[in-house]
């Protein structure tokens, strides 16, 4: 059974909105430098990680489950962890916060 068989789309969208708000609340006091962090082999920039998670929510909730268009046309080009090499994630043209 698909997830959409168990959940109302509005309820699922509400969960995504809640997660988005909580994420913004958690990072609201961080500087731009803190949002990027150091270039290390073992981590991704925090800003990229947040966008990556939002991109998954967009892909699996908005597009796949709800059948809607992506919020940003470039979200796969920015946040697809298979297509984007780790070392280039610090140099991407991220949207502003």
N, C-alpha and C. Protein backbone atom coordinates (compact mmCIF):
# COMPACT_ATOMS: atom_id res chain seq x y z
N UNK A 1 0.83 -1.19 0.00
CA UNK A 1 0.00 0.00 0.00
C UNK A 1 0.87 1.25 0.00
N UNK A 2 0.42 2.23 -0.72
CA UNK A 2 1.13 3.51 -0.76
C UNK A 2 0.82 4.32 0.49
N UNK A 3 1.74 5.21 0.82
CA UNK A 3 1.54 6.10 1.96
C UNK A 3 0.25 6.88 1.82
N UNK A 4 -0.05 7.30 0.59
CA UNK A 4 -1.25 8.09 0.37
C UNK A 4 -2.53 7.31 0.66
N UNK A 5 -2.45 5.97 0.69
CA UNK A 5 -3.61 5.16 1.05
C UNK A 5 -3.94 5.27 2.53
N UNK A 6 -2.97 5.66 3.34
CA UNK A 6 -3.14 5.72 4.79
C UNK A 6 -3.33 7.13 5.33
N UNK A 7 -2.85 8.12 4.58
CA UNK A 7 -2.87 9.49 5.08
C UNK A 7 -3.63 10.41 4.14
N UNK A 8 -4.30 11.32 4.72
CA UNK A 8 -4.91 12.39 3.95
C UNK A 8 -3.79 13.31 3.47
N UNK A 9 -3.86 13.77 2.23
CA UNK A 9 -2.82 14.65 1.70
C UNK A 9 -2.68 15.93 2.53
N UNK A 10 -3.77 16.46 3.03
CA UNK A 10 -3.71 17.67 3.85
C UNK A 10 -2.95 17.41 5.15
N UNK A 11 -3.16 16.23 5.75
CA UNK A 11 -2.44 15.88 6.98
C UNK A 11 -0.94 15.75 6.70
N UNK A 12 -0.60 15.09 5.62
CA UNK A 12 0.79 14.94 5.25
C UNK A 12 1.43 16.29 4.97
N UNK A 13 0.74 17.16 4.26
CA UNK A 13 1.25 18.51 3.98
C UNK A 13 1.43 19.28 5.29
N UNK A 14 0.55 19.10 6.24
CA UNK A 14 0.67 19.75 7.54
C UNK A 14 1.92 19.30 8.28
N UNK A 15 2.23 18.02 8.19
CA UNK A 15 3.45 17.52 8.82
C UNK A 15 4.69 18.14 8.19
N UNK A 16 4.66 18.28 6.87
CA UNK A 16 5.81 18.88 6.17
C UNK A 16 5.95 20.35 6.56
N UNK A 17 4.83 21.08 6.62
CA UNK A 17 4.89 22.49 7.04
C UNK A 17 5.43 22.61 8.46
N UNK A 18 5.02 21.72 9.34
CA UNK A 18 5.50 21.73 10.72
C UNK A 18 7.01 21.47 10.77
N UNK A 19 7.48 20.50 10.00
CA UNK A 19 8.92 20.20 9.96
C UNK A 19 9.70 21.39 9.43
N UNK A 20 9.15 22.06 8.42
CA UNK A 20 9.81 23.24 7.84
C UNK A 20 9.93 24.34 8.88
N UNK A 21 8.84 24.61 9.60
CA UNK A 21 8.87 25.65 10.64
C UNK A 21 9.87 25.30 11.73
N UNK A 22 9.88 24.06 12.17
CA UNK A 22 10.82 23.65 13.22
C UNK A 22 12.27 23.78 12.76
N UNK A 23 12.52 23.45 11.50
CA UNK A 23 13.87 23.59 10.95
C UNK A 23 14.30 25.05 10.96
N UNK A 24 13.43 25.94 10.46
CA UNK A 24 13.74 27.36 10.47
C UNK A 24 13.98 27.86 11.89
N UNK A 25 13.18 27.42 12.84
CA UNK A 25 13.36 27.82 14.23
C UNK A 25 14.72 27.37 14.77
N UNK A 26 15.14 26.16 14.41
CA UNK A 26 16.41 25.62 14.91
C UNK A 26 17.63 26.37 14.40
N UNK A 27 17.56 26.93 13.20
CA UNK A 27 18.74 27.57 12.61
C UNK A 27 18.62 29.09 12.52
N UNK A 28 17.58 29.65 13.07
CA UNK A 28 17.32 31.08 12.91
C UNK A 28 18.43 31.97 13.47
N UNK A 29 19.14 31.50 14.49
CA UNK A 29 20.18 32.33 15.09
C UNK A 29 21.59 32.01 14.58
N UNK A 30 21.71 31.17 13.57
CA UNK A 30 23.02 30.85 13.01
C UNK A 30 23.42 31.86 11.95
N UNK A 31 24.71 32.16 11.88
CA UNK A 31 25.23 33.07 10.86
C UNK A 31 25.33 32.32 9.52
N UNK A 32 25.57 33.07 8.46
CA UNK A 32 25.76 32.44 7.15
C UNK A 32 26.97 31.51 7.16
N UNK A 33 28.03 31.91 7.85
CA UNK A 33 29.22 31.05 7.95
C UNK A 33 28.89 29.76 8.70
N UNK A 34 28.13 29.86 9.76
CA UNK A 34 27.74 28.67 10.52
C UNK A 34 26.83 27.76 9.68
N UNK A 35 26.03 28.35 8.82
CA UNK A 35 25.15 27.55 7.97
C UNK A 35 25.94 26.75 6.93
N UNK A 36 27.15 27.21 6.59
CA UNK A 36 27.99 26.47 5.64
C UNK A 36 28.91 25.49 6.36
N UNK A 37 29.55 25.93 7.41
CA UNK A 37 30.48 25.07 8.13
C UNK A 37 31.76 24.84 7.35
N UNK A 38 32.68 24.09 7.93
CA UNK A 38 33.97 23.85 7.28
C UNK A 38 33.86 22.79 6.19
N UNK A 39 34.74 22.88 5.21
CA UNK A 39 34.82 21.87 4.15
C UNK A 39 35.55 20.65 4.70
N UNK A 40 34.80 19.62 5.02
CA UNK A 40 35.36 18.38 5.55
C UNK A 40 34.82 17.20 4.77
N UNK A 41 35.62 16.14 4.66
CA UNK A 41 35.18 14.95 3.93
C UNK A 41 34.02 14.22 4.60
N UNK A 42 33.83 14.45 5.89
CA UNK A 42 32.86 13.64 6.65
C UNK A 42 31.51 14.34 6.86
N UNK A 43 31.37 15.60 6.41
CA UNK A 43 30.10 16.31 6.59
C UNK A 43 29.73 17.06 5.32
N UNK A 44 28.49 17.46 5.24
CA UNK A 44 28.00 18.36 4.20
C UNK A 44 27.75 19.71 4.82
N UNK A 45 27.70 20.76 4.00
CA UNK A 45 27.31 22.06 4.56
C UNK A 45 25.89 21.95 5.15
N UNK A 46 25.68 22.56 6.30
CA UNK A 46 24.36 22.52 6.93
C UNK A 46 23.30 23.08 5.99
N UNK A 47 23.62 24.16 5.30
CA UNK A 47 22.66 24.76 4.37
C UNK A 47 22.27 23.77 3.28
N UNK A 48 23.24 23.00 2.80
CA UNK A 48 22.93 21.98 1.79
C UNK A 48 22.07 20.88 2.40
N UNK A 49 22.40 20.43 3.61
CA UNK A 49 21.62 19.37 4.26
C UNK A 49 20.16 19.77 4.44
N UNK A 50 19.94 21.00 4.86
CA UNK A 50 18.57 21.48 5.04
C UNK A 50 17.83 21.47 3.70
N UNK A 51 18.48 21.98 2.66
CA UNK A 51 17.87 21.96 1.33
C UNK A 51 17.66 20.56 0.81
N UNK A 52 18.59 19.67 1.11
CA UNK A 52 18.49 18.26 0.70
C UNK A 52 17.24 17.62 1.33
N UNK A 53 17.04 17.84 2.60
CA UNK A 53 15.85 17.30 3.26
C UNK A 53 14.57 17.91 2.70
N UNK A 54 14.60 19.21 2.48
CA UNK A 54 13.44 19.88 1.88
C UNK A 54 13.18 19.36 0.48
N UNK A 55 14.26 19.08 -0.25
CA UNK A 55 14.11 18.52 -1.59
C UNK A 55 13.47 17.14 -1.56
N UNK A 56 13.84 16.32 -0.58
CA UNK A 56 13.19 15.01 -0.42
C UNK A 56 11.70 15.19 -0.11
N UNK A 57 11.38 16.13 0.78
CA UNK A 57 9.98 16.37 1.09
C UNK A 57 9.23 16.79 -0.16
N UNK A 58 9.84 17.66 -0.94
CA UNK A 58 9.21 18.12 -2.17
C UNK A 58 9.01 16.96 -3.13
N UNK A 59 10.07 16.15 -3.30
CA UNK A 59 9.99 15.04 -4.25
C UNK A 59 8.94 14.01 -3.85
N UNK A 60 9.01 13.54 -2.61
CA UNK A 60 8.16 12.42 -2.21
C UNK A 60 6.77 12.83 -1.73
N UNK A 61 6.63 14.02 -1.20
CA UNK A 61 5.31 14.46 -0.74
C UNK A 61 4.62 15.29 -1.81
N UNK A 62 5.23 16.39 -2.18
CA UNK A 62 4.60 17.31 -3.12
C UNK A 62 4.43 16.70 -4.50
N UNK A 63 5.52 16.16 -5.05
CA UNK A 63 5.47 15.67 -6.43
C UNK A 63 4.88 14.26 -6.54
N UNK A 64 5.46 13.32 -5.79
CA UNK A 64 5.04 11.92 -5.94
C UNK A 64 3.67 11.63 -5.33
N UNK A 65 3.44 12.10 -4.11
CA UNK A 65 2.19 11.79 -3.43
C UNK A 65 1.05 12.72 -3.83
N UNK A 66 1.35 14.01 -3.93
CA UNK A 66 0.29 14.99 -4.21
C UNK A 66 0.20 15.35 -5.70
N UNK A 67 1.16 14.90 -6.51
CA UNK A 67 1.10 15.14 -7.94
C UNK A 67 1.27 16.60 -8.35
N UNK A 68 2.00 17.37 -7.55
CA UNK A 68 2.18 18.79 -7.85
C UNK A 68 3.57 19.04 -8.43
N UNK A 69 3.76 20.21 -8.97
CA UNK A 69 5.05 20.62 -9.51
C UNK A 69 6.01 20.95 -8.36
N UNK A 70 7.32 20.84 -8.61
CA UNK A 70 8.28 21.22 -7.56
C UNK A 70 8.18 22.71 -7.25
N UNK A 71 8.56 23.08 -6.05
CA UNK A 71 8.54 24.49 -5.65
C UNK A 71 9.60 25.26 -6.43
N UNK A 72 10.78 24.65 -6.57
CA UNK A 72 11.88 25.26 -7.32
C UNK A 72 12.23 24.34 -8.48
N UNK A 73 12.40 24.90 -9.65
CA UNK A 73 12.77 24.09 -10.81
C UNK A 73 14.17 23.50 -10.68
N UNK A 74 15.02 24.14 -9.89
CA UNK A 74 16.41 23.69 -9.76
C UNK A 74 16.67 22.84 -8.52
N UNK A 75 15.62 22.39 -7.82
CA UNK A 75 15.87 21.70 -6.56
C UNK A 75 16.63 20.39 -6.74
N UNK A 76 16.38 19.66 -7.82
CA UNK A 76 17.14 18.43 -8.05
C UNK A 76 18.60 18.75 -8.38
N UNK A 77 18.83 19.82 -9.13
CA UNK A 77 20.19 20.22 -9.50
C UNK A 77 20.99 20.69 -8.28
N UNK A 78 20.32 21.17 -7.26
CA UNK A 78 21.00 21.64 -6.05
C UNK A 78 21.13 20.57 -4.97
N UNK A 79 20.15 19.69 -4.86
CA UNK A 79 20.07 18.85 -3.66
C UNK A 79 20.03 17.34 -3.89
N UNK A 80 20.25 16.88 -5.12
CA UNK A 80 20.26 15.44 -5.40
C UNK A 80 21.61 14.88 -4.98
N UNK A 81 21.63 14.10 -3.90
CA UNK A 81 22.89 13.61 -3.35
C UNK A 81 23.59 12.60 -4.25
N UNK A 82 22.88 11.99 -5.16
CA UNK A 82 23.51 11.05 -6.10
C UNK A 82 24.24 11.83 -7.19
N UNK A 83 23.63 12.91 -7.67
CA UNK A 83 24.16 13.65 -8.82
C UNK A 83 25.19 14.70 -8.44
N UNK A 84 25.20 15.15 -7.19
CA UNK A 84 26.07 16.26 -6.79
C UNK A 84 27.22 15.73 -5.93
N UNK A 85 28.42 15.88 -6.45
CA UNK A 85 29.60 15.41 -5.74
C UNK A 85 29.76 16.16 -4.41
N UNK A 86 30.21 15.43 -3.41
CA UNK A 86 30.34 15.99 -2.06
C UNK A 86 31.15 17.29 -2.04
N UNK A 87 32.31 17.29 -2.67
CA UNK A 87 33.19 18.47 -2.60
C UNK A 87 32.64 19.70 -3.29
N UNK A 88 31.66 19.55 -4.16
CA UNK A 88 31.10 20.71 -4.87
C UNK A 88 29.92 21.34 -4.12
N UNK A 89 29.47 20.73 -3.07
CA UNK A 89 28.28 21.21 -2.36
C UNK A 89 28.50 22.55 -1.66
N UNK A 90 29.74 22.93 -1.42
CA UNK A 90 30.04 24.22 -0.80
C UNK A 90 30.00 25.36 -1.82
N UNK A 91 30.05 25.02 -3.10
CA UNK A 91 30.17 26.02 -4.15
C UNK A 91 28.88 26.23 -4.95
N UNK A 92 27.81 25.63 -4.54
CA UNK A 92 26.54 25.75 -5.27
C UNK A 92 25.90 27.11 -5.02
N UNK A 93 25.10 27.56 -5.95
CA UNK A 93 24.39 28.83 -5.83
C UNK A 93 23.08 28.58 -5.08
N UNK A 94 23.17 28.55 -3.76
CA UNK A 94 22.00 28.28 -2.93
C UNK A 94 21.04 29.47 -2.93
N UNK A 95 19.75 29.21 -2.80
CA UNK A 95 18.81 30.31 -2.62
C UNK A 95 19.06 30.99 -1.27
N UNK A 96 18.66 32.23 -1.16
CA UNK A 96 18.84 32.93 0.11
C UNK A 96 17.92 32.33 1.17
N UNK A 97 18.31 32.53 2.40
CA UNK A 97 17.48 32.01 3.48
C UNK A 97 16.20 32.78 3.56
